Amino acid sequence: MIVKDIIEESTLTLAEAREILTAPRAMRERVKKKKNEGKEAAEEDEMRFERRKAVENTTKFAKLGAKESRALVNELLELEKTKEEIAVRIADLMPKSKSEVRAIYAKERFTLTEANIEKILDCVAKYE
Protein backbone atom coordinates (compact mmCIF):
# COMPACT_ATOMS: atom_id res chain seq x y z
CA MET A 1 0.00 0.00 0.00
CA ILE A 2 1.40 3.38 -0.97
CA VAL A 3 0.50 6.38 1.15
CA LYS A 4 0.25 9.56 -0.88
CA ASP A 5 -0.62 12.20 1.70
CA ILE A 6 -0.87 12.29 5.44
CA ILE A 7 -4.16 13.96 6.25
CA GLU A 8 -3.92 13.94 10.02
CA GLU A 9 -1.52 12.62 12.62
CA SER A 10 -2.31 12.13 16.28
CA THR A 11 -1.21 10.02 19.21
CA LEU A 12 -3.65 7.27 20.15
CA THR A 13 -3.91 4.95 23.10
CA LEU A 14 -4.18 1.22 22.47
CA ALA A 15 -7.88 1.29 23.35
CA GLU A 16 -8.56 4.06 20.82
CA ALA A 17 -6.62 2.16 18.15
CA ARG A 18 -8.65 -0.99 18.91
CA GLU A 19 -11.88 0.99 18.55
CA ILE A 20 -10.80 2.41 15.19
CA LEU A 21 -9.65 -0.99 13.91
CA THR A 22 -12.84 -2.80 14.87
CA ALA A 23 -15.41 -0.10 14.07
CA PRO A 24 -15.77 0.32 10.29
CA ARG A 25 -18.05 -2.40 8.90
CA ALA A 26 -18.27 -0.70 5.52
CA MET A 27 -14.59 -1.36 4.97
CA ARG A 28 -15.07 -5.07 5.63
CA GLU A 29 -17.91 -5.11 3.10
CA ARG A 30 -15.64 -3.55 0.46
CA VAL A 31 -12.98 -6.16 1.16
CA LYS A 32 -15.46 -8.98 0.57
CA LYS A 33 -16.55 -7.44 -2.75
CA LYS A 34 -12.97 -6.94 -3.96
CA LYS A 35 -12.04 -10.49 -3.06
CA ASN A 36 -13.50 -11.62 -6.36
CA GLU A 37 -11.47 -9.14 -8.46
CA GLY A 38 -8.22 -11.08 -9.05
CA LYS A 39 -4.92 -9.37 -8.18
CA GLU A 40 -6.41 -7.05 -5.61
CA ALA A 41 -7.70 -10.04 -3.67
CA ALA A 42 -4.16 -11.00 -2.60
CA GLU A 43 -3.45 -7.44 -1.42
CA GLU A 44 -6.71 -7.33 0.50
CA ASP A 45 -5.95 -10.69 2.14
CA GLU A 46 -2.59 -9.31 3.28
CA MET A 47 -4.27 -6.21 4.66
CA ARG A 48 -6.77 -8.40 6.46
CA PHE A 49 -3.97 -10.39 8.10
CA GLU A 50 -2.19 -7.22 9.28
CA ARG A 51 -5.41 -5.78 10.57
CA ARG A 52 -6.30 -9.00 12.36
CA LYS A 53 -2.91 -9.05 14.10
CA ALA A 54 -3.27 -5.39 15.07
CA VAL A 55 -6.72 -6.06 16.53
CA GLU A 56 -5.39 -9.08 18.44
CA ASN A 57 -2.55 -7.06 19.95
CA THR A 58 -4.66 -4.06 20.89
CA THR A 59 -7.30 -6.33 22.44
CA LYS A 60 -4.68 -8.24 24.38
CA PHE A 61 -2.82 -5.22 25.78
CA ALA A 62 -5.43 -2.46 26.11
CA LYS A 63 -6.48 -2.24 29.75
CA LEU A 64 -9.20 0.43 29.48
CA GLY A 65 -11.92 1.44 27.08
CA ALA A 66 -11.33 4.20 24.53
CA LYS A 67 -13.27 6.88 26.44
CA GLU A 68 -11.68 6.01 29.78
CA SER A 69 -8.16 6.01 28.35
CA ARG A 70 -8.68 9.40 26.67
CA ALA A 71 -10.11 10.79 29.92
CA LEU A 72 -7.03 9.53 31.78
CA VAL A 73 -4.72 11.10 29.19
CA ASN A 74 -6.53 14.44 29.51
CA GLU A 75 -6.29 14.27 33.30
CA LEU A 76 -2.58 13.46 33.12
CA LEU A 77 -1.97 16.36 30.73
CA GLU A 78 -3.21 18.74 33.41
CA LEU A 79 -0.32 17.67 35.67
CA GLU A 80 3.03 19.37 35.34
CA LYS A 81 5.90 17.78 33.38
CA THR A 82 3.57 15.60 31.33
CA LYS A 83 3.68 15.50 27.53
CA GLU A 84 1.02 13.82 25.43
CA GLU A 85 3.31 10.94 24.41
CA ILE A 86 4.08 10.16 28.05
CA ALA A 87 0.44 10.48 29.09
CA VAL A 88 -0.56 7.99 26.37
CA ARG A 89 2.20 5.62 27.47
CA ILE A 90 0.97 5.83 31.07
CA ALA A 91 -2.63 5.18 29.96
CA ASP A 92 -1.48 2.13 27.97
CA LEU A 93 0.75 0.65 30.68
CA MET A 94 -1.29 1.64 33.77
CA PRO A 95 1.68 1.66 36.18
CA LYS A 96 1.00 0.52 39.73
CA SER A 97 4.25 1.43 41.47
CA LYS A 98 6.64 4.35 41.71
CA SER A 99 9.39 2.42 39.96
CA GLU A 100 7.13 1.78 36.94
CA VAL A 101 6.40 5.50 36.65
CA ARG A 102 10.12 6.28 36.93
CA ALA A 103 10.80 3.76 34.14
CA ILE A 104 8.32 5.54 31.86
CA TYR A 105 10.07 8.86 32.54
CA ALA A 106 13.59 7.35 32.25
CA LYS A 107 14.37 8.95 28.86
CA GLU A 108 13.28 12.41 29.90
CA ARG A 109 15.82 15.06 30.86
CA PHE A 110 14.23 15.73 34.23
CA THR A 111 13.32 13.72 37.27
CA LEU A 112 9.97 13.60 38.97
CA THR A 113 9.46 14.46 42.59
CA GLU A 114 7.72 12.01 44.90
CA ALA A 115 4.66 14.28 44.91
CA ASN A 116 4.43 14.21 41.09
CA ILE A 117 4.72 10.42 41.04
CA GLU A 118 1.98 10.14 43.67
CA LYS A 119 -0.31 12.40 41.60
CA ILE A 120 0.25 10.22 38.54
CA LEU A 121 -0.47 7.04 40.50
CA ASP A 122 -3.62 8.63 41.97
CA CYS A 123 -4.87 9.44 38.46
CA VAL A 124 -4.18 5.89 37.30
CA ALA A 125 -5.88 4.41 40.38
CA LYS A 126 -9.13 6.28 39.55
CA TYR A 127 -9.44 4.37 36.26
CA GLU A 128 -8.59 0.82 37.41
C-alpha atoms as a PDB file:
ATOM      1  CA  MET A   1       0.000   0.000   0.000  1.00  0.00           C
ATOM      2  CA  ILE A   2       1.395   3.376  -0.970  1.00  0.00           C
ATOM      3  CA  VAL A   3       0.495   6.384   1.149  1.00  0.00           C
ATOM      4  CA  LYS A   4       0.251   9.563  -0.884  1.00  0.00           C
ATOM      5  CA  ASP A   5      -0.621  12.198   1.698  1.00  0.00           C
ATOM      6  CA  ILE A   6      -0.872  12.288   5.444  1.00  0.00           C
ATOM      7  CA  ILE A   7      -4.164  13.955   6.254  1.00  0.00           C
ATOM      8  CA  GLU A   8      -3.923  13.939  10.022  1.00  0.00           C
ATOM      9  CA  GLU A   9      -1.521  12.622  12.619  1.00  0.00           C
ATOM     10  CA  SER A  10      -2.310  12.129  16.283  1.00  0.00           C
ATOM     11  CA  THR A  11      -1.207  10.020  19.215  1.00  0.00           C
ATOM     12  CA  LEU A  12      -3.653   7.269  20.154  1.00  0.00           C
ATOM     13  CA  THR A  13      -3.914   4.951  23.101  1.00  0.00           C
ATOM     14  CA  LEU A  14      -4.182   1.221  22.467  1.00  0.00           C
ATOM     15  CA  ALA A  15      -7.877   1.290  23.353  1.00  0.00           C
ATOM     16  CA  GLU A  16      -8.557   4.055  20.824  1.00  0.00           C
ATOM     17  CA  ALA A  17      -6.621   2.158  18.155  1.00  0.00           C
ATOM     18  CA  ARG A  18      -8.652  -0.989  18.911  1.00  0.00           C
ATOM     19  CA  GLU A  19     -11.877   0.986  18.546  1.00  0.00           C
ATOM     20  CA  ILE A  20     -10.797   2.406  15.192  1.00  0.00           C
ATOM     21  CA  LEU A  21      -9.652  -0.993  13.908  1.00  0.00           C
ATOM     22  CA  THR A  22     -12.836  -2.799  14.866  1.00  0.00           C
ATOM     23  CA  ALA A  23     -15.414  -0.101  14.069  1.00  0.00           C
ATOM     24  CA  PRO A  24     -15.767   0.317  10.285  1.00  0.00           C
ATOM     25  CA  ARG A  25     -18.055  -2.400   8.903  1.00  0.00           C
ATOM     26  CA  ALA A  26     -18.273  -0.701   5.522  1.00  0.00           C
ATOM     27  CA  MET A  27     -14.586  -1.364   4.968  1.00  0.00           C
ATOM     28  CA  ARG A  28     -15.072  -5.073   5.627  1.00  0.00           C
ATOM     29  CA  GLU A  29     -17.913  -5.115   3.101  1.00  0.00           C
ATOM     30  CA  ARG A  30     -15.645  -3.552   0.458  1.00  0.00           C
ATOM     31  CA  VAL A  31     -12.979  -6.162   1.158  1.00  0.00           C
ATOM     32  CA  LYS A  32     -15.462  -8.976   0.573  1.00  0.00           C
ATOM     33  CA  LYS A  33     -16.554  -7.437  -2.747  1.00  0.00           C
ATOM     34  CA  LYS A  34     -12.972  -6.941  -3.963  1.00  0.00           C
ATOM     35  CA  LYS A  35     -12.036 -10.490  -3.062  1.00  0.00           C
ATOM     36  CA  ASN A  36     -13.503 -11.618  -6.358  1.00  0.00           C
ATOM     37  CA  GLU A  37     -11.469  -9.138  -8.457  1.00  0.00           C
ATOM     38  CA  GLY A  38      -8.219 -11.076  -9.051  1.00  0.00           C
ATOM     39  CA  LYS A  39      -4.921  -9.372  -8.182  1.00  0.00           C
ATOM     40  CA  GLU A  40      -6.411  -7.047  -5.612  1.00  0.00           C
ATOM     41  CA  ALA A  41      -7.697 -10.040  -3.673  1.00  0.00           C
ATOM     42  CA  ALA A  42      -4.156 -10.996  -2.596  1.00  0.00           C
ATOM     43  CA  GLU A  43      -3.448  -7.439  -1.418  1.00  0.00           C
ATOM     44  CA  GLU A  44      -6.714  -7.333   0.495  1.00  0.00           C
ATOM     45  CA  ASP A  45      -5.947 -10.693   2.144  1.00  0.00           C
ATOM     46  CA  GLU A  46      -2.591  -9.311   3.275  1.00  0.00           C
ATOM     47  CA  MET A  47      -4.271  -6.213   4.659  1.00  0.00           C
ATOM     48  CA  ARG A  48      -6.774  -8.398   6.460  1.00  0.00           C
ATOM     49  CA  PHE A  49      -3.968 -10.387   8.105  1.00  0.00           C
ATOM     50  CA  GLU A  50      -2.194  -7.224   9.280  1.00  0.00           C
ATOM     51  CA  ARG A  51      -5.410  -5.782  10.567  1.00  0.00           C
ATOM     52  CA  ARG A  52      -6.301  -8.997  12.358  1.00  0.00           C
ATOM     53  CA  LYS A  53      -2.905  -9.048  14.096  1.00  0.00           C
ATOM     54  CA  ALA A  54      -3.273  -5.389  15.066  1.00  0.00           C
ATOM     55  CA  VAL A  55      -6.724  -6.065  16.535  1.00  0.00           C
ATOM     56  CA  GLU A  56      -5.394  -9.084  18.441  1.00  0.00           C
ATOM     57  CA  ASN A  57      -2.550  -7.056  19.948  1.00  0.00           C
ATOM     58  CA  THR A  58      -4.665  -4.063  20.890  1.00  0.00           C
ATOM     59  CA  THR A  59      -7.304  -6.326  22.437  1.00  0.00           C
ATOM     60  CA  LYS A  60      -4.677  -8.236  24.377  1.00  0.00           C
ATOM     61  CA  PHE A  61      -2.820  -5.221  25.779  1.00  0.00           C
ATOM     62  CA  ALA A  62      -5.429  -2.458  26.114  1.00  0.00           C
ATOM     63  CA  LYS A  63      -6.475  -2.243  29.746  1.00  0.00           C
ATOM     64  CA  LEU A  64      -9.198   0.425  29.477  1.00  0.00           C
ATOM     65  CA  GLY A  65     -11.916   1.438  27.076  1.00  0.00           C
ATOM     66  CA  ALA A  66     -11.332   4.197  24.532  1.00  0.00           C
ATOM     67  CA  LYS A  67     -13.268   6.875  26.443  1.00  0.00           C
ATOM     68  CA  GLU A  68     -11.678   6.014  29.780  1.00  0.00           C
ATOM     69  CA  SER A  69      -8.164   6.008  28.345  1.00  0.00           C
ATOM     70  CA  ARG A  70      -8.684   9.402  26.668  1.00  0.00           C
ATOM     71  CA  ALA A  71     -10.114  10.788  29.920  1.00  0.00           C
ATOM     72  CA  LEU A  72      -7.030   9.528  31.777  1.00  0.00           C
ATOM     73  CA  VAL A  73      -4.725  11.095  29.185  1.00  0.00           C
ATOM     74  CA  ASN A  74      -6.532  14.436  29.506  1.00  0.00           C
ATOM     75  CA  GLU A  75      -6.290  14.273  33.298  1.00  0.00           C
ATOM     76  CA  LEU A  76      -2.580  13.458  33.122  1.00  0.00           C
ATOM     77  CA  LEU A  77      -1.972  16.363  30.727  1.00  0.00           C
ATOM     78  CA  GLU A  78      -3.211  18.739  33.414  1.00  0.00           C
ATOM     79  CA  LEU A  79      -0.321  17.669  35.665  1.00  0.00           C
ATOM     80  CA  GLU A  80       3.030  19.366  35.342  1.00  0.00           C
ATOM     81  CA  LYS A  81       5.900  17.782  33.384  1.00  0.00           C
ATOM     82  CA  THR A  82       3.574  15.597  31.331  1.00  0.00           C
ATOM     83  CA  LYS A  83       3.678  15.495  27.532  1.00  0.00           C
ATOM     84  CA  GLU A  84       1.021  13.825  25.425  1.00  0.00           C
ATOM     85  CA  GLU A  85       3.308  10.944  24.415  1.00  0.00           C
ATOM     86  CA  ILE A  86       4.084  10.162  28.049  1.00  0.00           C
ATOM     87  CA  ALA A  87       0.437  10.479  29.088  1.00  0.00           C
ATOM     88  CA  VAL A  88      -0.558   7.992  26.368  1.00  0.00           C
ATOM     89  CA  ARG A  89       2.202   5.615  27.472  1.00  0.00           C
ATOM     90  CA  ILE A  90       0.968   5.833  31.070  1.00  0.00           C
ATOM     91  CA  ALA A  91      -2.625   5.176  29.960  1.00  0.00           C
ATOM     92  CA  ASP A  92      -1.476   2.125  27.966  1.00  0.00           C
ATOM     93  CA  LEU A  93       0.748   0.650  30.679  1.00  0.00           C
ATOM     94  CA  MET A  94      -1.291   1.642  33.769  1.00  0.00           C
ATOM     95  CA  PRO A  95       1.677   1.661  36.182  1.00  0.00           C
ATOM     96  CA  LYS A  96       0.996   0.520  39.730  1.00  0.00           C
ATOM     97  CA  SER A  97       4.246   1.432  41.465  1.00  0.00           C
ATOM     98  CA  LYS A  98       6.637   4.353  41.709  1.00  0.00           C
ATOM     99  CA  SER A  99       9.393   2.415  39.959  1.00  0.00           C
ATOM    100  CA  GLU A 100       7.135   1.775  36.944  1.00  0.00           C
ATOM    101  CA  VAL A 101       6.397   5.503  36.654  1.00  0.00           C
ATOM    102  CA  ARG A 102      10.118   6.282  36.925  1.00  0.00           C
ATOM    103  CA  ALA A 103      10.804   3.758  34.142  1.00  0.00           C
ATOM    104  CA  ILE A 104       8.315   5.540  31.862  1.00  0.00           C
ATOM    105  CA  TYR A 105      10.073   8.863  32.540  1.00  0.00           C
ATOM    106  CA  ALA A 106      13.586   7.353  32.246  1.00  0.00           C
ATOM    107  CA  LYS A 107      14.368   8.946  28.863  1.00  0.00           C
ATOM    108  CA  GLU A 108      13.280  12.415  29.905  1.00  0.00           C
ATOM    109  CA  ARG A 109      15.820  15.061  30.861  1.00  0.00           C
ATOM    110  CA  PHE A 110      14.233  15.732  34.227  1.00  0.00           C
ATOM    111  CA  THR A 111      13.317  13.716  37.271  1.00  0.00           C
ATOM    112  CA  LEU A 112       9.972  13.602  38.972  1.00  0.00           C
ATOM    113  CA  THR A 113       9.455  14.461  42.589  1.00  0.00           C
ATOM    114  CA  GLU A 114       7.717  12.007  44.896  1.00  0.00           C
ATOM    115  CA  ALA A 115       4.663  14.285  44.907  1.00  0.00           C
ATOM    116  CA  ASN A 116       4.429  14.208  41.089  1.00  0.00           C
ATOM    117  CA  ILE A 117       4.720  10.420  41.045  1.00  0.00           C
ATOM    118  CA  GLU A 118       1.978  10.137  43.666  1.00  0.00           C
ATOM    119  CA  LYS A 119      -0.312  12.400  41.603  1.00  0.00           C
ATOM    120  CA  ILE A 120       0.247  10.224  38.537  1.00  0.00           C
ATOM    121  CA  LEU A 121      -0.465   7.038  40.504  1.00  0.00           C
ATOM    122  CA  ASP A 122      -3.620   8.629  41.972  1.00  0.00           C
ATOM    123  CA  CYS A 123      -4.870   9.443  38.461  1.00  0.00           C
ATOM    124  CA  VAL A 124      -4.177   5.894  37.303  1.00  0.00           C
ATOM    125  CA  ALA A 125      -5.876   4.411  40.376  1.00  0.00           C
ATOM    126  CA  LYS A 126      -9.128   6.284  39.553  1.00  0.00           C
ATOM    127  CA  TYR A 127      -9.436   4.365  36.262  1.00  0.00           C
ATOM    128  CA  GLU A 128      -8.589   0.822  37.410  1.00  0.00           C
END
